[in-house]
Structures are given as structure tokens and as C-alpha cells.
N, C-alpha and C. Protein backbone atom coordinates (compact mmCIF):
# COMPACT_ATOMS: atom_id res chain seq x y z
N UNK A 1 0.84 -1.18 0.00
CA UNK A 1 0.00 0.00 0.00
C UNK A 1 0.89 1.24 0.00
N UNK A 2 0.53 2.21 -0.81
CA UNK A 2 1.30 3.44 -0.90
C UNK A 2 0.87 4.44 0.18
N UNK A 3 1.82 5.25 0.59
CA UNK A 3 1.57 6.34 1.54
C UNK A 3 2.22 7.60 1.00
N UNK A 4 1.99 8.71 1.68
CA UNK A 4 2.58 9.97 1.26
C UNK A 4 3.59 10.43 2.31
N UNK A 5 4.77 10.77 1.81
CA UNK A 5 5.80 11.38 2.65
C UNK A 5 5.81 12.87 2.32
N UNK A 6 5.70 13.72 3.34
CA UNK A 6 5.75 15.17 3.12
C UNK A 6 7.16 15.66 3.36
N UNK A 7 7.79 16.17 2.29
CA UNK A 7 9.16 16.66 2.36
C UNK A 7 9.11 18.18 2.37
N UNK A 8 9.64 18.84 3.41
CA UNK A 8 9.62 20.31 3.44
C UNK A 8 10.27 20.89 2.19
N UNK A 9 9.59 21.85 1.57
CA UNK A 9 10.10 22.46 0.34
C UNK A 9 10.39 23.94 0.51
N UNK A 10 9.46 24.70 1.05
CA UNK A 10 9.67 26.15 1.12
C UNK A 10 8.58 26.80 1.96
N UNK A 11 8.76 28.08 2.18
CA UNK A 11 7.72 28.93 2.75
C UNK A 11 7.24 29.84 1.62
N UNK A 12 5.94 29.95 1.48
CA UNK A 12 5.36 30.89 0.51
C UNK A 12 4.64 31.96 1.31
N UNK A 13 4.92 33.23 0.98
CA UNK A 13 4.24 34.32 1.67
C UNK A 13 3.71 35.31 0.65
N UNK A 14 2.54 35.86 0.96
CA UNK A 14 1.86 36.75 0.03
C UNK A 14 1.26 37.94 0.76
N UNK A 15 1.21 39.05 0.05
CA UNK A 15 0.46 40.22 0.50
C UNK A 15 -0.74 40.35 -0.42
N UNK A 16 -1.93 40.20 0.15
CA UNK A 16 -3.14 40.32 -0.64
C UNK A 16 -3.57 41.78 -0.71
N UNK A 17 -4.21 42.14 -1.83
CA UNK A 17 -4.66 43.50 -2.03
C UNK A 17 -6.16 43.61 -2.05
N UNK A 18 -6.64 44.46 -2.94
CA UNK A 18 -8.06 44.73 -3.05
C UNK A 18 -8.83 43.52 -3.57
N UNK A 19 -10.09 43.46 -3.18
CA UNK A 19 -10.99 42.39 -3.63
C UNK A 19 -12.16 42.99 -4.38
N UNK A 20 -12.66 42.22 -5.32
CA UNK A 20 -13.86 42.58 -6.06
C UNK A 20 -14.90 41.51 -5.77
N UNK A 21 -16.04 41.92 -5.26
CA UNK A 21 -17.15 40.99 -5.03
C UNK A 21 -17.96 40.90 -6.31
N UNK A 22 -17.79 39.81 -7.04
CA UNK A 22 -18.49 39.62 -8.31
C UNK A 22 -19.97 39.35 -8.05
N UNK A 23 -20.25 38.64 -6.98
CA UNK A 23 -21.63 38.32 -6.64
C UNK A 23 -21.92 36.85 -6.88
N UNK A 24 -23.18 36.50 -6.68
CA UNK A 24 -23.58 35.10 -6.78
C UNK A 24 -23.82 34.72 -8.23
N UNK A 25 -23.10 33.70 -8.66
CA UNK A 25 -23.26 33.14 -10.00
C UNK A 25 -23.62 31.68 -9.89
N UNK A 26 -23.49 30.95 -11.00
CA UNK A 26 -23.89 29.54 -10.99
C UNK A 26 -23.06 28.65 -10.07
N UNK A 27 -21.83 29.09 -9.72
CA UNK A 27 -20.99 28.28 -8.84
C UNK A 27 -20.97 28.79 -7.40
N UNK A 28 -21.65 29.90 -7.13
CA UNK A 28 -21.68 30.47 -5.79
C UNK A 28 -21.22 31.91 -5.80
N UNK A 29 -21.01 32.45 -4.61
CA UNK A 29 -20.55 33.83 -4.47
C UNK A 29 -19.07 33.93 -4.82
N UNK A 30 -18.75 34.73 -5.82
CA UNK A 30 -17.39 34.84 -6.33
C UNK A 30 -16.74 36.12 -5.83
N UNK A 31 -15.50 35.98 -5.35
CA UNK A 31 -14.69 37.08 -4.88
C UNK A 31 -13.33 36.96 -5.55
N UNK A 32 -12.85 38.04 -6.16
CA UNK A 32 -11.53 38.04 -6.81
C UNK A 32 -10.62 38.97 -6.02
N UNK A 33 -9.50 38.43 -5.53
CA UNK A 33 -8.57 39.19 -4.72
C UNK A 33 -7.22 39.30 -5.41
N UNK A 34 -6.72 40.52 -5.52
CA UNK A 34 -5.42 40.78 -6.11
C UNK A 34 -4.32 40.29 -5.17
N UNK A 35 -3.28 39.67 -5.74
CA UNK A 35 -2.11 39.29 -4.96
C UNK A 35 -1.02 40.32 -5.31
N UNK A 36 -0.74 41.21 -4.37
CA UNK A 36 0.15 42.35 -4.61
C UNK A 36 1.61 41.92 -4.71
N UNK A 37 2.03 41.04 -3.80
CA UNK A 37 3.41 40.57 -3.81
C UNK A 37 3.45 39.17 -3.22
N UNK A 38 4.53 38.47 -3.53
CA UNK A 38 4.66 37.12 -2.99
C UNK A 38 6.05 36.58 -3.22
N UNK A 39 6.41 35.61 -2.41
CA UNK A 39 7.71 34.98 -2.59
C UNK A 39 7.69 33.54 -2.11
N UNK A 40 8.60 32.79 -2.68
CA UNK A 40 8.85 31.40 -2.27
C UNK A 40 10.29 31.37 -1.77
N UNK A 41 10.49 30.88 -0.56
CA UNK A 41 11.82 30.83 0.02
C UNK A 41 12.10 29.43 0.56
N UNK A 42 13.14 28.78 0.00
CA UNK A 42 13.51 27.45 0.44
C UNK A 42 14.93 27.11 0.03
N UNK A 43 15.37 25.91 0.40
CA UNK A 43 16.73 25.48 0.07
C UNK A 43 16.93 25.26 -1.42
N UNK A 44 15.86 24.82 -2.13
CA UNK A 44 15.99 24.50 -3.56
C UNK A 44 15.45 25.57 -4.50
N UNK A 45 14.69 26.52 -3.95
CA UNK A 45 14.13 27.58 -4.80
C UNK A 45 13.87 28.84 -3.98
N UNK A 46 14.22 29.97 -4.60
CA UNK A 46 13.90 31.29 -4.06
C UNK A 46 13.37 32.11 -5.22
N UNK A 47 12.17 32.66 -5.06
CA UNK A 47 11.55 33.37 -6.17
C UNK A 47 10.56 34.40 -5.63
N UNK A 48 10.30 35.42 -6.47
CA UNK A 48 9.30 36.43 -6.16
C UNK A 48 8.30 36.49 -7.30
N UNK A 49 7.09 36.96 -7.00
CA UNK A 49 6.11 37.13 -8.07
C UNK A 49 6.71 38.01 -9.14
N UNK A 50 6.58 37.59 -10.39
CA UNK A 50 7.25 38.26 -11.50
C UNK A 50 6.42 39.38 -12.10
N UNK A 51 5.13 39.25 -12.05
CA UNK A 51 4.26 40.22 -12.71
C UNK A 51 3.07 40.50 -11.81
N UNK A 52 2.21 41.36 -12.28
CA UNK A 52 0.99 41.63 -11.51
C UNK A 52 -0.17 40.78 -12.01
N UNK A 53 0.13 39.57 -12.47
CA UNK A 53 -0.91 38.69 -12.99
C UNK A 53 -1.49 37.75 -11.94
N UNK A 54 -0.99 37.80 -10.71
CA UNK A 54 -1.44 36.86 -9.69
C UNK A 54 -2.75 37.32 -9.06
N UNK A 55 -3.63 36.36 -8.88
CA UNK A 55 -4.90 36.65 -8.21
C UNK A 55 -5.46 35.38 -7.60
N UNK A 56 -6.43 35.58 -6.73
CA UNK A 56 -7.10 34.49 -6.05
C UNK A 56 -8.59 34.61 -6.39
N UNK A 57 -9.10 33.63 -7.12
CA UNK A 57 -10.51 33.60 -7.49
C UNK A 57 -11.19 32.67 -6.49
N UNK A 58 -11.92 33.24 -5.57
CA UNK A 58 -12.52 32.50 -4.46
C UNK A 58 -14.01 32.33 -4.70
N UNK A 59 -14.52 31.13 -4.38
CA UNK A 59 -15.96 30.89 -4.34
C UNK A 59 -16.32 30.66 -2.88
N UNK A 60 -17.28 31.43 -2.40
CA UNK A 60 -17.68 31.35 -1.00
C UNK A 60 -18.90 30.46 -0.82
N UNK A 61 -18.92 29.72 0.29
CA UNK A 61 -20.09 28.90 0.61
C UNK A 61 -21.26 29.80 0.98
N UNK A 62 -22.45 29.23 0.97
CA UNK A 62 -23.67 29.99 1.29
C UNK A 62 -23.58 30.68 2.64
N UNK A 63 -23.00 29.98 3.64
CA UNK A 63 -22.93 30.56 4.99
C UNK A 63 -21.69 31.44 5.18
N UNK A 64 -20.82 31.54 4.16
CA UNK A 64 -19.65 32.41 4.24
C UNK A 64 -18.53 31.89 5.11
N UNK A 65 -18.58 30.62 5.50
CA UNK A 65 -17.55 30.07 6.38
C UNK A 65 -16.46 29.31 5.64
N UNK A 66 -16.71 28.94 4.38
CA UNK A 66 -15.76 28.17 3.59
C UNK A 66 -15.46 28.91 2.29
N UNK A 67 -14.20 28.94 1.94
CA UNK A 67 -13.79 29.51 0.65
C UNK A 67 -13.11 28.41 -0.15
N UNK A 68 -13.51 28.27 -1.41
CA UNK A 68 -12.86 27.34 -2.33
C UNK A 68 -11.91 28.19 -3.18
N UNK A 69 -10.62 27.84 -3.14
CA UNK A 69 -9.58 28.66 -3.75
C UNK A 69 -9.23 28.22 -5.17
N UNK A 70 -8.89 29.20 -5.99
CA UNK A 70 -8.35 29.00 -7.34
C UNK A 70 -7.33 30.11 -7.53
N UNK A 71 -6.04 29.78 -7.35
CA UNK A 71 -4.97 30.79 -7.32
C UNK A 71 -3.96 30.49 -8.41
N UNK A 72 -3.50 31.56 -9.08
CA UNK A 72 -2.49 31.41 -10.13
C UNK A 72 -1.55 32.60 -10.11
N UNK A 73 -0.28 32.34 -10.46
CA UNK A 73 0.69 33.42 -10.55
C UNK A 73 1.99 32.94 -11.16
N UNK A 74 2.80 33.89 -11.60
CA UNK A 74 4.10 33.58 -12.20
C UNK A 74 5.21 34.15 -11.32
N UNK A 75 6.18 33.31 -11.01
CA UNK A 75 7.32 33.71 -10.17
C UNK A 75 8.58 33.81 -11.02
N UNK A 76 9.51 34.64 -10.57
CA UNK A 76 10.84 34.74 -11.17
C UNK A 76 11.84 34.37 -10.08
N UNK A 77 12.66 33.34 -10.36
CA UNK A 77 13.63 32.89 -9.38
C UNK A 77 14.75 33.91 -9.23
N UNK A 78 15.52 33.77 -8.16
CA UNK A 78 16.62 34.71 -7.92
C UNK A 78 17.71 34.63 -8.98
N UNK A 79 17.70 33.56 -9.81
CA UNK A 79 18.67 33.46 -10.91
C UNK A 79 18.02 33.63 -12.28
N UNK A 80 16.79 34.17 -12.32
CA UNK A 80 16.18 34.60 -13.57
C UNK A 80 15.27 33.63 -14.29
N UNK A 81 14.93 32.50 -13.72
CA UNK A 81 14.01 31.55 -14.36
C UNK A 81 12.58 31.88 -13.97
N UNK A 82 11.64 31.54 -14.88
CA UNK A 82 10.22 31.77 -14.60
C UNK A 82 9.54 30.45 -14.24
N UNK A 83 8.66 30.53 -13.24
CA UNK A 83 7.91 29.38 -12.75
C UNK A 83 6.45 29.80 -12.59
N UNK A 84 5.57 29.09 -13.26
CA UNK A 84 4.13 29.32 -13.12
C UNK A 84 3.62 28.41 -12.02
N UNK A 85 2.80 28.95 -11.13
CA UNK A 85 2.23 28.16 -10.04
C UNK A 85 0.71 28.31 -10.05
N UNK A 86 0.03 27.22 -9.74
CA UNK A 86 -1.42 27.27 -9.60
C UNK A 86 -1.82 26.30 -8.51
N UNK A 87 -2.89 26.67 -7.79
CA UNK A 87 -3.38 25.73 -6.79
C UNK A 87 -4.84 25.99 -6.46
N UNK A 88 -5.46 24.91 -6.07
CA UNK A 88 -6.79 24.95 -5.51
C UNK A 88 -6.68 24.58 -4.05
N UNK A 89 -7.74 24.78 -3.34
CA UNK A 89 -7.71 24.42 -1.93
C UNK A 89 -8.96 24.88 -1.22
N UNK A 90 -8.91 24.79 0.09
CA UNK A 90 -10.04 25.15 0.94
C UNK A 90 -9.54 26.05 2.06
N UNK A 91 -10.40 27.01 2.44
CA UNK A 91 -10.07 27.91 3.54
C UNK A 91 -11.22 27.95 4.53
N UNK A 92 -10.89 27.75 5.80
CA UNK A 92 -11.83 27.95 6.89
C UNK A 92 -11.74 29.44 7.23
N UNK A 93 -12.74 30.21 6.80
CA UNK A 93 -12.66 31.67 6.93
C UNK A 93 -12.64 32.10 8.39
N UNK A 94 -13.43 31.47 9.23
CA UNK A 94 -13.46 31.86 10.64
C UNK A 94 -12.13 31.64 11.33
N UNK A 95 -11.44 30.54 11.00
CA UNK A 95 -10.15 30.23 11.62
C UNK A 95 -8.98 30.89 10.89
N UNK A 96 -9.18 31.30 9.63
CA UNK A 96 -8.09 31.88 8.85
C UNK A 96 -7.06 30.85 8.42
N UNK A 97 -7.48 29.59 8.31
CA UNK A 97 -6.56 28.50 7.96
C UNK A 97 -6.90 27.95 6.58
N UNK A 98 -5.85 27.56 5.83
CA UNK A 98 -6.01 27.09 4.46
C UNK A 98 -5.23 25.81 4.23
N UNK A 99 -5.71 25.00 3.31
CA UNK A 99 -4.98 23.83 2.81
C UNK A 99 -5.06 23.90 1.29
N UNK A 100 -3.90 23.76 0.62
CA UNK A 100 -3.86 23.86 -0.84
C UNK A 100 -3.01 22.75 -1.43
N UNK A 101 -3.10 22.61 -2.76
CA UNK A 101 -2.34 21.58 -3.49
C UNK A 101 -1.68 22.21 -4.72
N UNK A 102 -0.56 22.92 -4.54
CA UNK A 102 0.09 23.60 -5.66
C UNK A 102 0.76 22.65 -6.66
N UNK A 103 0.73 23.06 -7.93
CA UNK A 103 1.54 22.45 -8.98
C UNK A 103 2.29 23.57 -9.68
N UNK A 104 3.36 23.19 -10.38
CA UNK A 104 4.24 24.17 -11.00
C UNK A 104 4.55 23.78 -12.43
N UNK A 105 4.86 24.80 -13.25
CA UNK A 105 5.29 24.59 -14.62
C UNK A 105 6.45 25.52 -14.91
N UNK A 106 7.50 24.97 -15.53
CA UNK A 106 8.63 25.80 -15.92
C UNK A 106 9.36 25.16 -17.10
N UNK A 107 9.96 26.00 -17.91
CA UNK A 107 10.80 25.52 -19.00
C UNK A 107 12.27 25.50 -18.61
N UNK A 108 12.57 25.91 -17.39
CA UNK A 108 13.95 25.96 -16.91
C UNK A 108 14.48 24.56 -16.63
N UNK A 109 15.65 24.28 -17.16
CA UNK A 109 16.27 22.98 -16.90
C UNK A 109 16.61 22.84 -15.41
N UNK A 110 17.10 23.92 -14.81
CA UNK A 110 17.50 23.88 -13.40
C UNK A 110 16.31 23.54 -12.49
N UNK A 111 15.13 24.07 -12.83
CA UNK A 111 13.97 23.88 -11.97
C UNK A 111 12.96 22.88 -12.55
N UNK A 112 13.40 22.09 -13.52
CA UNK A 112 12.49 21.13 -14.16
C UNK A 112 11.91 20.12 -13.17
N UNK A 113 12.56 19.88 -12.06
CA UNK A 113 12.05 18.98 -11.03
C UNK A 113 10.69 19.44 -10.51
N UNK A 114 10.42 20.76 -10.59
CA UNK A 114 9.13 21.27 -10.15
C UNK A 114 7.98 20.75 -11.00
N UNK A 115 8.25 20.47 -12.29
CA UNK A 115 7.20 20.00 -13.20
C UNK A 115 6.60 18.67 -12.78
N UNK A 116 7.32 17.89 -12.00
CA UNK A 116 6.85 16.55 -11.66
C UNK A 116 6.39 16.39 -10.22
N UNK A 117 6.39 17.45 -9.45
CA UNK A 117 5.99 17.28 -8.05
C UNK A 117 4.55 17.74 -7.81
N UNK A 118 3.97 17.18 -6.78
CA UNK A 118 2.69 17.66 -6.26
C UNK A 118 2.99 18.31 -4.93
N UNK A 119 2.63 19.57 -4.82
CA UNK A 119 2.82 20.26 -3.57
C UNK A 119 1.59 20.13 -2.68
N UNK A 120 1.83 20.28 -1.40
CA UNK A 120 0.77 20.37 -0.40
C UNK A 120 1.19 21.49 0.53
N UNK A 121 0.27 22.40 0.83
CA UNK A 121 0.63 23.53 1.68
C UNK A 121 -0.44 23.78 2.73
N UNK A 122 0.02 24.17 3.92
CA UNK A 122 -0.87 24.60 5.00
C UNK A 122 -0.57 26.07 5.24
N UNK A 123 -1.64 26.87 5.31
CA UNK A 123 -1.43 28.30 5.44
C UNK A 123 -2.31 28.93 6.50
N UNK A 124 -1.92 30.15 6.85
CA UNK A 124 -2.70 30.96 7.77
C UNK A 124 -2.71 32.38 7.22
N UNK A 125 -3.86 33.04 7.33
CA UNK A 125 -4.00 34.40 6.84
C UNK A 125 -4.45 35.32 7.96
N UNK A 126 -3.89 36.51 7.97
CA UNK A 126 -4.35 37.58 8.84
C UNK A 126 -5.30 38.41 7.99
N UNK A 127 -6.59 38.28 8.21
CA UNK A 127 -7.59 38.94 7.37
C UNK A 127 -7.54 40.46 7.49
N UNK A 128 -7.00 40.97 8.58
CA UNK A 128 -6.91 42.43 8.74
C UNK A 128 -5.76 43.01 7.92
N UNK A 129 -4.61 42.33 7.88
CA UNK A 129 -3.45 42.87 7.15
C UNK A 129 -3.34 42.31 5.74
N UNK A 130 -4.02 41.19 5.46
CA UNK A 130 -3.92 40.56 4.15
C UNK A 130 -2.65 39.77 3.95
N UNK A 131 -1.93 39.47 5.03
CA UNK A 131 -0.70 38.67 4.93
C UNK A 131 -1.06 37.20 5.05
N UNK A 132 -0.59 36.43 4.06
CA UNK A 132 -0.87 35.00 3.98
C UNK A 132 0.46 34.26 3.91
N UNK A 133 0.66 33.28 4.80
CA UNK A 133 1.91 32.52 4.84
C UNK A 133 1.58 31.02 4.82
N UNK A 134 2.25 30.31 3.90
CA UNK A 134 2.09 28.87 3.76
C UNK A 134 3.41 28.16 4.10
N UNK A 135 3.29 26.96 4.65
CA UNK A 135 4.40 26.01 4.69
C UNK A 135 4.14 25.04 3.55
N UNK A 136 5.09 24.96 2.61
CA UNK A 136 4.94 24.17 1.39
C UNK A 136 5.75 22.89 1.50
N UNK A 137 5.11 21.77 1.12
CA UNK A 137 5.75 20.46 1.13
C UNK A 137 5.66 19.83 -0.24
N UNK A 138 6.62 18.99 -0.56
CA UNK A 138 6.54 18.11 -1.71
C UNK A 138 5.91 16.82 -1.21
N UNK A 139 4.80 16.40 -1.83
CA UNK A 139 4.13 15.16 -1.44
C UNK A 139 4.71 14.02 -2.28
N UNK A 140 5.48 13.13 -1.64
CA UNK A 140 6.12 12.02 -2.35
C UNK A 140 5.43 10.70 -2.02
N UNK A 141 5.00 9.97 -3.04
CA UNK A 141 4.43 8.66 -2.77
C UNK A 141 5.53 7.67 -2.41
N UNK A 142 5.29 6.87 -1.38
CA UNK A 142 6.26 5.85 -0.95
C UNK A 142 5.53 4.53 -0.73
N UNK A 143 6.24 3.45 -0.98
CA UNK A 143 5.64 2.13 -0.80
C UNK A 143 5.77 1.67 0.64
């Protein structure tokens, strides 16, 4: 039987900006939040958000206690490579706690290992300051 080994990978931190309340659509109440800045810091990768294309497209539950996340952004490593990241996840709004499953895409040979990993991250957000910090792990299947 296979199990998952969580290997520490990095810390991801973000500063969230303004939000737009789109309103209730066919999938629920939609909120779009700008990601002003962000970085990934770890032994194998250090990167900052490369452009202002990052955002969090959130769908809120009817009672407003659960957020379903859809986040995307492009990072530039400290040595000039680009890495696209995307993740879905769940947020307990009352507790300010999140769980996500990031994946990455890059054409960089140095960071090509990112193309084959599944990330798992646990995060906490300060809703007053908009600061969001995740502990990121590589989820490795083991026998």
C-alpha cells in the first residue's frame, strides 16, 4: 500500500490587495482578490512574483464560512528563471486556515524537477493585514 511522505520544500508568503465581489453566480458567491506581492523561500528555490498577474478567485459557501480557492501566478527565481504556479484548496474563513495543493510549470532545466511534483501547503491568513503565509511540502508517494 502506498503512503505519502511530506518533504519540506519552502515557505510561501503573500500580501493580498483589493478584492472585487463579483456576486452570486452559478458556482456560488465569487470574490476576486489581487495578490500584490509574494515569494517562495527554500533550500531548492527562491523566487518572487514576477508580474501583476497573480490573483485568487474564491468561491464562498452559502454561509460564508468556507472559501474554495483558485490561485495562479508567475514567479521569477533569484537566478532569472520563470515558474508558473497554480493551486486549488479550501479555507476555513473563521479560523483563517487554508490547505492547498500547488503544482508548478517551468521551461527551466534547473527547476524542471518542479514540473513533476505535487505540492501540499498549510497556510494561515491575517484577514486584517492581508498577509498569507504557507508552509509548502513536496508530497512524495512511498511504498
